[in-house]
Amino acid sequence: MRNLVRSWMALTIGTMVGVAVMWLIAPMTGEETRRVLKGNLADVQGRANLVIEDVQEKARRITDIGRRVVEEQKTSLERGAEELKSVKNAS
């Protein structure tokens, strides 16, 4: 029982010392910290939006390239099919 009381006292004293140290060395008040965090959040959101826009633009470019490649391959295959037909008909 005595050890339990000592443990609780040590925990209580440690908590009180920790709170006192925190108050003494805290660089900003809670309000200031919240203001800074909100500003940082706004910065991160702005940068995230720029990254999203960049990724969307790159995706559009890749899609356009893919469409062009598919169209070129389709045209090439159609030409090849026509040549095979003409060779077959010539035989």
PDB file of N, CA and C in Angstrom:
ATOM      1  N   MET A   1       0.823  -1.191   0.000  1.00  0.00           N
ATOM      2  CA  MET A   1       0.000   0.000   0.000  1.00  0.00           C
ATOM      3  C   MET A   1       0.870   1.259   0.000  1.00  0.00           C
ATOM      4  N   ARG A   2       1.934   1.153   0.758  1.00  0.00           N
ATOM      5  CA  ARG A   2       2.825   2.291   0.873  1.00  0.00           C
ATOM      6  C   ARG A   2       3.475   2.612  -0.470  1.00  0.00           C
ATOM      7  N   ASN A   3       3.852   1.570  -1.240  1.00  0.00           N
ATOM      8  CA  ASN A   3       4.453   1.772  -2.546  1.00  0.00           C
ATOM      9  C   ASN A   3       3.461   2.435  -3.518  1.00  0.00           C
ATOM     10  N   LEU A   4       2.199   2.059  -3.386  1.00  0.00           N
ATOM     11  CA  LEU A   4       1.171   2.652  -4.252  1.00  0.00           C
ATOM     12  C   LEU A   4       1.025   4.145  -3.962  1.00  0.00           C
ATOM     13  N   VAL A   5       1.028   4.516  -2.709  1.00  0.00           N
ATOM     14  CA  VAL A   5       0.931   5.925  -2.325  1.00  0.00           C
ATOM     15  C   VAL A   5       2.139   6.689  -2.833  1.00  0.00           C
ATOM     16  N   ARG A   6       3.322   6.097  -2.666  1.00  0.00           N
ATOM     17  CA  ARG A   6       4.536   6.749  -3.165  1.00  0.00           C
ATOM     18  C   ARG A   6       4.489   6.923  -4.686  1.00  0.00           C
ATOM     19  N   SER A   7       4.002   5.896  -5.361  1.00  0.00           N
ATOM     20  CA  SER A   7       3.911   5.980  -6.823  1.00  0.00           C
ATOM     21  C   SER A   7       2.959   7.096  -7.247  1.00  0.00           C
ATOM     22  N   TRP A   8       1.818   7.181  -6.578  1.00  0.00           N
ATOM     23  CA  TRP A   8       0.856   8.243  -6.916  1.00  0.00           C
ATOM     24  C   TRP A   8       1.427   9.619  -6.604  1.00  0.00           C
ATOM     25  N   MET A   9       2.130   9.726  -5.516  1.00  0.00           N
ATOM     26  CA  MET A   9       2.742  11.008  -5.161  1.00  0.00           C
ATOM     27  C   MET A   9       3.806  11.385  -6.183  1.00  0.00           C
ATOM     28  N   ALA A  10       4.621  10.403  -6.593  1.00  0.00           N
ATOM     29  CA  ALA A  10       5.656  10.673  -7.588  1.00  0.00           C
ATOM     30  C   ALA A  10       5.021  11.092  -8.909  1.00  0.00           C
ATOM     31  N   LEU A  11       3.948  10.418  -9.299  1.00  0.00           N
ATOM     32  CA  LEU A  11       3.242  10.764 -10.534  1.00  0.00           C
ATOM     33  C   LEU A  11       2.649  12.167 -10.449  1.00  0.00           C
ATOM     34  N   THR A  12       2.036  12.491  -9.328  1.00  0.00           N
ATOM     35  CA  THR A  12       1.435  13.817  -9.136  1.00  0.00           C
ATOM     36  C   THR A  12       2.505  14.906  -9.155  1.00  0.00           C
ATOM     37  N   ILE A  13       3.580  14.696  -8.432  1.00  0.00           N
ATOM     38  CA  ILE A  13       4.659  15.685  -8.383  1.00  0.00           C
ATOM     39  C   ILE A  13       5.296  15.828  -9.766  1.00  0.00           C
ATOM     40  N   GLY A  14       5.511  14.718 -10.454  1.00  0.00           N
ATOM     41  CA  GLY A  14       6.083  14.756 -11.796  1.00  0.00           C
ATOM     42  C   GLY A  14       5.195  15.517 -12.766  1.00  0.00           C
ATOM     43  N   THR A  15       3.893  15.299 -12.647  1.00  0.00           N
ATOM     44  CA  THR A  15       2.945  16.019 -13.505  1.00  0.00           C
ATOM     45  C   THR A  15       2.993  17.507 -13.214  1.00  0.00           C
ATOM     46  N   MET A  16       3.014  17.880 -11.938  1.00  0.00           N
ATOM     47  CA  MET A  16       3.052  19.290 -11.569  1.00  0.00           C
ATOM     48  C   MET A  16       4.342  19.951 -12.055  1.00  0.00           C
ATOM     49  N   VAL A  17       5.467  19.261 -11.927  1.00  0.00           N
ATOM     50  CA  VAL A  17       6.744  19.804 -12.409  1.00  0.00           C
ATOM     51  C   VAL A  17       6.700  19.950 -13.923  1.00  0.00           C
ATOM     52  N   GLY A  18       6.150  18.956 -14.607  1.00  0.00           N
ATOM     53  CA  GLY A  18       6.052  19.022 -16.062  1.00  0.00           C
ATOM     54  C   GLY A  18       5.208  20.189 -16.529  1.00  0.00           C
ATOM     55  N   VAL A  19       4.083  20.421 -15.869  1.00  0.00           N
ATOM     56  CA  VAL A  19       3.224  21.551 -16.219  1.00  0.00           C
ATOM     57  C   VAL A  19       3.943  22.861 -15.959  1.00  0.00           C
ATOM     58  N   ALA A  20       4.623  22.968 -14.834  1.00  0.00           N
ATOM     59  CA  ALA A  20       5.343  24.203 -14.505  1.00  0.00           C
ATOM     60  C   ALA A  20       6.439  24.477 -15.531  1.00  0.00           C
ATOM     61  N   VAL A  21       7.189  23.456 -15.900  1.00  0.00           N
ATOM     62  CA  VAL A  21       8.253  23.632 -16.904  1.00  0.00           C
ATOM     63  C   VAL A  21       7.648  24.032 -18.243  1.00  0.00           C
ATOM     64  N   MET A  22       6.539  23.398 -18.614  1.00  0.00           N
ATOM     65  CA  MET A  22       5.885  23.728 -19.875  1.00  0.00           C
ATOM     66  C   MET A  22       5.486  25.208 -19.900  1.00  0.00           C
ATOM     67  N   TRP A  23       4.918  25.697 -18.805  1.00  0.00           N
ATOM     68  CA  TRP A  23       4.509  27.099 -18.757  1.00  0.00           C
ATOM     69  C   TRP A  23       5.707  28.039 -18.839  1.00  0.00           C
ATOM     70  N   LEU A  24       6.802  27.631 -18.246  1.00  0.00           N
ATOM     71  CA  LEU A  24       7.987  28.487 -18.237  1.00  0.00           C
ATOM     72  C   LEU A  24       8.692  28.541 -19.593  1.00  0.00           C
ATOM     73  N   ILE A  25       8.698  27.445 -20.310  1.00  0.00           N
ATOM     74  CA  ILE A  25       9.465  27.413 -21.559  1.00  0.00           C
ATOM     75  C   ILE A  25       8.603  27.448 -22.811  1.00  0.00           C
ATOM     76  N   ALA A  26       7.300  27.481 -22.659  1.00  0.00           N
ATOM     77  CA  ALA A  26       6.422  27.520 -23.836  1.00  0.00           C
ATOM     78  C   ALA A  26       6.690  28.804 -24.613  1.00  0.00           C
ATOM     79  N   PRO A  27       7.004  28.686 -25.914  1.00  0.00           N
ATOM     80  CA  PRO A  27       7.356  29.868 -26.692  1.00  0.00           C
ATOM     81  C   PRO A  27       6.160  30.760 -27.019  1.00  0.00           C
ATOM     82  N   MET A  28       4.962  30.200 -27.030  1.00  0.00           N
ATOM     83  CA  MET A  28       3.782  30.983 -27.416  1.00  0.00           C
ATOM     84  C   MET A  28       2.594  30.582 -26.553  1.00  0.00           C
ATOM     85  N   THR A  29       1.612  31.449 -26.532  1.00  0.00           N
ATOM     86  CA  THR A  29       0.369  31.111 -25.850  1.00  0.00           C
ATOM     87  C   THR A  29      -0.412  30.148 -26.739  1.00  0.00           C
ATOM     88  N   GLY A  30      -1.434  29.563 -26.168  1.00  0.00           N
ATOM     89  CA  GLY A  30      -2.271  28.645 -26.944  1.00  0.00           C
ATOM     90  C   GLY A  30      -2.904  29.333 -28.140  1.00  0.00           C
ATOM     91  N   GLU A  31      -3.351  30.571 -27.933  1.00  0.00           N
ATOM     92  CA  GLU A  31      -3.983  31.325 -29.023  1.00  0.00           C
ATOM     93  C   GLU A  31      -2.984  31.577 -30.153  1.00  0.00           C
ATOM     94  N   GLU A  32      -1.764  31.957 -29.768  1.00  0.00           N
ATOM     95  CA  GLU A  32      -0.730  32.196 -30.788  1.00  0.00           C
ATOM     96  C   GLU A  32      -0.395  30.900 -31.533  1.00  0.00           C
ATOM     97  N   THR A  33      -0.310  29.815 -30.797  1.00  0.00           N
ATOM     98  CA  THR A  33      -0.013  28.524 -31.422  1.00  0.00           C
ATOM     99  C   THR A  33      -1.105  28.146 -32.406  1.00  0.00           C
ATOM    100  N   ARG A  34      -2.364  28.323 -32.025  1.00  0.00           N
ATOM    101  CA  ARG A  34      -3.476  28.014 -32.934  1.00  0.00           C
ATOM    102  C   ARG A  34      -3.419  28.883 -34.182  1.00  0.00           C
ATOM    103  N   ARG A  35      -3.078  30.158 -34.017  1.00  0.00           N
ATOM    104  CA  ARG A  35      -2.988  31.073 -35.155  1.00  0.00           C
ATOM    105  C   ARG A  35      -1.882  30.613 -36.117  1.00  0.00           C
ATOM    106  N   VAL A  36      -0.743  30.245 -35.556  1.00  0.00           N
ATOM    107  CA  VAL A  36       0.375  29.764 -36.382  1.00  0.00           C
ATOM    108  C   VAL A  36      -0.020  28.470 -37.098  1.00  0.00           C
ATOM    109  N   LEU A  37      -0.669  27.564 -36.369  1.00  0.00           N
ATOM    110  CA  LEU A  37      -1.080  26.305 -36.987  1.00  0.00           C
ATOM    111  C   LEU A  37      -2.081  26.538 -38.115  1.00  0.00           C
ATOM    112  N   LYS A  38      -3.017  27.473 -37.914  1.00  0.00           N
ATOM    113  CA  LYS A  38      -3.982  27.791 -38.981  1.00  0.00           C
ATOM    114  C   LYS A  38      -3.271  28.352 -40.201  1.00  0.00           C
ATOM    115  N   GLY A  39      -2.273  29.216 -39.970  1.00  0.00           N
ATOM    116  CA  GLY A  39      -1.504  29.761 -41.086  1.00  0.00           C
ATOM    117  C   GLY A  39      -0.739  28.677 -41.820  1.00  0.00           C
ATOM    118  N   ASN A  40      -0.133  27.770 -41.062  1.00  0.00           N
ATOM    119  CA  ASN A  40       0.590  26.658 -41.682  1.00  0.00           C
ATOM    120  C   ASN A  40      -0.352  25.764 -42.472  1.00  0.00           C
ATOM    121  N   LEU A  41      -1.541  25.531 -41.919  1.00  0.00           N
ATOM    122  CA  LEU A  41      -2.535  24.716 -42.609  1.00  0.00           C
ATOM    123  C   LEU A  41      -2.932  25.366 -43.930  1.00  0.00           C
ATOM    124  N   ALA A  42      -3.129  26.680 -43.911  1.00  0.00           N
ATOM    125  CA  ALA A  42      -3.487  27.392 -45.150  1.00  0.00           C
ATOM    126  C   ALA A  42      -2.366  27.271 -46.176  1.00  0.00           C
ATOM    127  N   ASP A  43      -1.113  27.377 -45.741  1.00  0.00           N
ATOM    128  CA  ASP A  43       0.028  27.224 -46.653  1.00  0.00           C
ATOM    129  C   ASP A  43       0.060  25.827 -47.259  1.00  0.00           C
ATOM    130  N   VAL A  44      -0.125  24.823 -46.415  1.00  0.00           N
ATOM    131  CA  VAL A  44      -0.095  23.444 -46.896  1.00  0.00           C
ATOM    132  C   VAL A  44      -1.240  23.198 -47.881  1.00  0.00           C
ATOM    133  N   GLN A  45      -2.417  23.727 -47.575  1.00  0.00           N
ATOM    134  CA  GLN A  45      -3.549  23.556 -48.486  1.00  0.00           C
ATOM    135  C   GLN A  45      -3.269  24.223 -49.825  1.00  0.00           C
ATOM    136  N   GLY A  46      -2.674  25.409 -49.793  1.00  0.00           N
ATOM    137  CA  GLY A  46      -2.335  26.098 -51.038  1.00  0.00           C
ATOM    138  C   GLY A  46      -1.342  25.298 -51.863  1.00  0.00           C
ATOM    139  N   ARG A  47      -0.313  24.775 -51.205  1.00  0.00           N
ATOM    140  CA  ARG A  47       0.682  23.962 -51.924  1.00  0.00           C
ATOM    141  C   ARG A  47       0.055  22.675 -52.446  1.00  0.00           C
ATOM    142  N   ALA A  48      -0.825  22.071 -51.660  1.00  0.00           N
ATOM    143  CA  ALA A  48      -1.490  20.841 -52.099  1.00  0.00           C
ATOM    144  C   ALA A  48      -2.348  21.120 -53.337  1.00  0.00           C
ATOM    145  N   ASN A  49      -3.030  22.255 -53.353  1.00  0.00           N
ATOM    146  CA  ASN A  49      -3.836  22.603 -54.526  1.00  0.00           C
ATOM    147  C   ASN A  49      -2.964  22.779 -55.759  1.00  0.00           C
ATOM    148  N   LEU A  50      -1.789  23.387 -55.603  1.00  0.00           N
ATOM    149  CA  LEU A  50      -0.868  23.541 -56.733  1.00  0.00           C
ATOM    150  C   LEU A  50      -0.400  22.183 -57.242  1.00  0.00           C
ATOM    151  N   VAL A  51      -0.095  21.282 -56.319  1.00  0.00           N
ATOM    152  CA  VAL A  51       0.342  19.944 -56.716  1.00  0.00           C
ATOM    153  C   VAL A  51      -0.785  19.217 -57.442  1.00  0.00           C
ATOM    154  N   ILE A  52      -2.002  19.343 -56.938  1.00  0.00           N
ATOM    155  CA  ILE A  52      -3.153  18.694 -57.576  1.00  0.00           C
ATOM    156  C   ILE A  52      -3.345  19.226 -58.986  1.00  0.00           C
ATOM    157  N   GLU A  53      -3.269  20.535 -59.153  1.00  0.00           N
ATOM    158  CA  GLU A  53      -3.412  21.126 -60.485  1.00  0.00           C
ATOM    159  C   GLU A  53      -2.314  20.634 -61.422  1.00  0.00           C
ATOM    160  N   ASP A  54      -1.094  20.552 -60.913  1.00  0.00           N
ATOM    161  CA  ASP A  54       0.022  20.071 -61.727  1.00  0.00           C
ATOM    162  C   ASP A  54      -0.203  18.622 -62.157  1.00  0.00           C
ATOM    163  N   VAL A  55      -0.626  17.782 -61.232  1.00  0.00           N
ATOM    164  CA  VAL A  55      -0.885  16.378 -61.542  1.00  0.00           C
ATOM    165  C   VAL A  55      -2.012  16.257 -62.560  1.00  0.00           C
ATOM    166  N   GLN A  56      -3.065  17.061 -62.405  1.00  0.00           N
ATOM    167  CA  GLN A  56      -4.173  17.020 -63.368  1.00  0.00           C
ATOM    168  C   GLN A  56      -3.701  17.417 -64.761  1.00  0.00           C
ATOM    169  N   GLU A  57      -2.865  18.443 -64.849  1.00  0.00           N
ATOM    170  CA  GLU A  57      -2.346  18.876 -66.155  1.00  0.00           C
ATOM    171  C   GLU A  57      -1.484  17.783 -66.777  1.00  0.00           C
ATOM    172  N   LYS A  58      -0.639  17.157 -65.986  1.00  0.00           N
ATOM    173  CA  LYS A  58       0.195  16.072 -66.507  1.00  0.00           C
ATOM    174  C   LYS A  58      -0.663  14.891 -66.944  1.00  0.00           C
ATOM    175  N   ALA A  59      -1.709  14.605 -66.202  1.00  0.00           N
ATOM    176  CA  ALA A  59      -2.616  13.513 -66.579  1.00  0.00           C
ATOM    177  C   ALA A  59      -3.302  13.828 -67.910  1.00  0.00           C
ATOM    178  N   ARG A  60      -3.689  15.103 -68.106  1.00  0.00           N
ATOM    179  CA  ARG A  60      -4.296  15.495 -69.390  1.00  0.00           C
ATOM    180  C   ARG A  60      -3.308  15.289 -70.531  1.00  0.00           C
ATOM    181  N   ARG A  61      -2.064  15.706 -70.313  1.00  0.00           N
ATOM    182  CA  ARG A  61      -1.036  15.542 -71.359  1.00  0.00           C
ATOM    183  C   ARG A  61      -0.826  14.069 -71.687  1.00  0.00           C
ATOM    184  N   ILE A  62      -0.712  13.244 -70.660  1.00  0.00           N
ATOM    185  CA  ILE A  62      -0.498  11.812 -70.880  1.00  0.00           C
ATOM    186  C   ILE A  62      -1.694  11.210 -71.611  1.00  0.00           C
ATOM    187  N   THR A  63      -2.896  11.618 -71.246  1.00  0.00           N
ATOM    188  CA  THR A  63      -4.090  11.124 -71.914  1.00  0.00           C
ATOM    189  C   THR A  63      -4.085  11.517 -73.388  1.00  0.00           C
ATOM    190  N   ASP A  64      -3.717  12.774 -73.664  1.00  0.00           N
ATOM    191  CA  ASP A  64      -3.640  13.225 -75.057  1.00  0.00           C
ATOM    192  C   ASP A  64      -2.613  12.421 -75.844  1.00  0.00           C
ATOM    193  N   ILE A  65      -1.459  12.188 -75.251  1.00  0.00           N
ATOM    194  CA  ILE A  65      -0.425  11.389 -75.917  1.00  0.00           C
ATOM    195  C   ILE A  65      -0.946   9.981 -76.173  1.00  0.00           C
ATOM    196  N   GLY A  66      -1.585   9.398 -75.186  1.00  0.00           N
ATOM    197  CA  GLY A  66      -2.150   8.053 -75.333  1.00  0.00           C
ATOM    198  C   GLY A  66      -3.164   7.992 -76.456  1.00  0.00           C
ATOM    199  N   ARG A  67      -4.023   8.994 -76.536  1.00  0.00           N
ATOM    200  CA  ARG A  67      -5.021   9.020 -77.623  1.00  0.00           C
ATOM    201  C   ARG A  67      -4.340   9.096 -78.984  1.00  0.00           C
ATOM    202  N   ARG A  68      -3.309   9.948 -79.081  1.00  0.00           N
ATOM    203  CA  ARG A  68      -2.590  10.069 -80.357  1.00  0.00           C
ATOM    204  C   ARG A  68      -1.937   8.749 -80.740  1.00  0.00           C
ATOM    205  N   VAL A  69      -1.310   8.085 -79.772  1.00  0.00           N
ATOM    206  CA  VAL A  69      -0.652   6.807 -80.059  1.00  0.00           C
ATOM    207  C   VAL A  69      -1.675   5.773 -80.513  1.00  0.00           C
ATOM    208  N   VAL A  70      -2.788   5.712 -79.824  1.00  0.00           N
ATOM    209  CA  VAL A  70      -3.837   4.750 -80.199  1.00  0.00           C
ATOM    210  C   VAL A  70      -4.345   5.062 -81.600  1.00  0.00           C
ATOM    211  N   GLU A  71      -4.575   6.320 -81.895  1.00  0.00           N
ATOM    212  CA  GLU A  71      -5.059   6.705 -83.225  1.00  0.00           C
ATOM    213  C   GLU A  71      -4.033   6.350 -84.306  1.00  0.00           C
ATOM    214  N   GLU A  72      -2.747   6.596 -84.044  1.00  0.00           N
ATOM    215  CA  GLU A  72      -1.702   6.245 -85.011  1.00  0.00           C
ATOM    216  C   GLU A  72      -1.652   4.730 -85.226  1.00  0.00           C
ATOM    217  N   GLN A  73      -1.753   3.982 -84.154  1.00  0.00           N
ATOM    218  CA  GLN A  73      -1.731   2.525 -84.281  1.00  0.00           C
ATOM    219  C   GLN A  73      -2.956   2.014 -85.036  1.00  0.00           C
ATOM    220  N   LYS A  74      -4.081   2.626 -84.763  1.00  0.00           N
ATOM    221  CA  LYS A  74      -5.315   2.243 -85.468  1.00  0.00           C
ATOM    222  C   LYS A  74      -5.156   2.497 -86.961  1.00  0.00           C
ATOM    223  N   THR A  75      -4.640   3.670 -87.311  1.00  0.00           N
ATOM    224  CA  THR A  75      -4.425   4.012 -88.722  1.00  0.00           C
ATOM    225  C   THR A  75      -3.438   3.044 -89.359  1.00  0.00           C
ATOM    226  N   SER A  76      -2.348   2.731 -88.645  1.00  0.00           N
ATOM    227  CA  SER A  76      -1.347   1.804 -89.150  1.00  0.00           C
ATOM    228  C   SER A  76      -1.942   0.416 -89.374  1.00  0.00           C
ATOM    229  N   LEU A  77      -2.753  -0.039 -88.436  1.00  0.00           N
ATOM    230  CA  LEU A  77      -3.388  -1.354 -88.587  1.00  0.00           C
ATOM    231  C   LEU A  77      -4.377  -1.368 -89.751  1.00  0.00           C
ATOM    232  N   GLU A  78      -5.110  -0.272 -89.916  1.00  0.00           N
ATOM    233  CA  GLU A  78      -6.054  -0.205 -91.044  1.00  0.00           C
ATOM    234  C   GLU A  78      -5.299  -0.268 -92.374  1.00  0.00           C
ATOM    235  N   ARG A  79      -4.170   0.459 -92.472  1.00  0.00           N
ATOM    236  CA  ARG A  79      -3.350   0.413 -93.689  1.00  0.00           C
ATOM    237  C   ARG A  79      -2.823  -1.000 -93.936  1.00  0.00           C
ATOM    238  N   GLY A  80      -2.335  -1.617 -92.865  1.00  0.00           N
ATOM    239  CA  GLY A  80      -1.823  -2.985 -92.994  1.00  0.00           C
ATOM    240  C   GLY A  80      -2.905  -3.943 -93.449  1.00  0.00           C
ATOM    241  N   ALA A  81      -4.110  -3.793 -92.913  1.00  0.00           N
ATOM    242  CA  ALA A  81      -5.223  -4.656 -93.319  1.00  0.00           C
ATOM    243  C   ALA A  81      -5.557  -4.439 -94.793  1.00  0.00           C
ATOM    244  N   GLU A  82      -5.549  -3.184 -95.251  1.00  0.00           N
ATOM    245  CA  GLU A  82      -5.824  -2.889 -96.657  1.00  0.00           C
ATOM    246  C   GLU A  82      -4.748  -3.479 -97.556  1.00  0.00           C
ATOM    247  N   GLU A  83      -3.490  -3.385 -97.142  1.00  0.00           N
ATOM    248  CA  GLU A  83      -2.410  -3.966 -97.945  1.00  0.00           C
ATOM    249  C   GLU A  83      -2.549  -5.486 -98.038  1.00  0.00           C
ATOM    250  N   LEU A  84      -2.931  -6.115 -96.910  1.00  0.00           N
ATOM    251  CA  LEU A  84      -3.132  -7.562 -96.952  1.00  0.00           C
ATOM    252  C   LEU A  84      -4.272  -7.935 -97.901  1.00  0.00           C
ATOM    253  N   LYS A  85      -5.341  -7.150 -97.870  1.00  0.00           N
ATOM    254  CA  LYS A  85      -6.450  -7.397 -98.776  1.00  0.00           C
ATOM    255  C   LYS A  85      -6.014  -7.261-100.234  1.00  0.00           C
ATOM    256  N   SER A  86      -5.220  -6.222-100.529  1.00  0.00           N
ATOM    257  CA  SER A  86      -4.784  -6.015-101.911  1.00  0.00           C
ATOM    258  C   SER A  86      -3.835  -7.108-102.360  1.00  0.00           C
ATOM    259  N   VAL A  87      -2.969  -7.606-101.441  1.00  0.00           N
ATOM    260  CA  VAL A  87      -2.065  -8.701-101.780  1.00  0.00           C
ATOM    261  C   VAL A  87      -2.877  -9.967-102.015  1.00  0.00           C
ATOM    262  N   LYS A  88      -3.860 -10.203-101.185  1.00  0.00           N
ATOM    263  CA  LYS A  88      -4.719 -11.388-101.299  1.00  0.00           C
ATOM    264  C   LYS A  88      -5.510 -11.348-102.618  1.00  0.00           C
ATOM    265  N   ASN A  89      -6.046 -10.172-102.955  1.00  0.00           N
ATOM    266  CA  ASN A  89      -6.818 -10.026-104.195  1.00  0.00           C
ATOM    267  C   ASN A  89      -5.916 -10.129-105.419  1.00  0.00           C
ATOM    268  N   ALA A  90      -4.659  -9.741-105.309  1.00  0.00           N
ATOM    269  CA  ALA A  90      -3.736  -9.808-106.438  1.00  0.00           C
ATOM    270  C   ALA A  90      -3.323 -11.247-106.709  1.00  0.00           C
ATOM    271  N   SER A  91      -3.397 -12.100-105.698  1.00  0.00           N
ATOM    272  CA  SER A  91      -2.975 -13.486-105.875  1.00  0.00           C
ATOM    273  C   SER A  91      -3.954 -14.282-106.647  1.00  0.00           C
TER     274      SER A  91
END
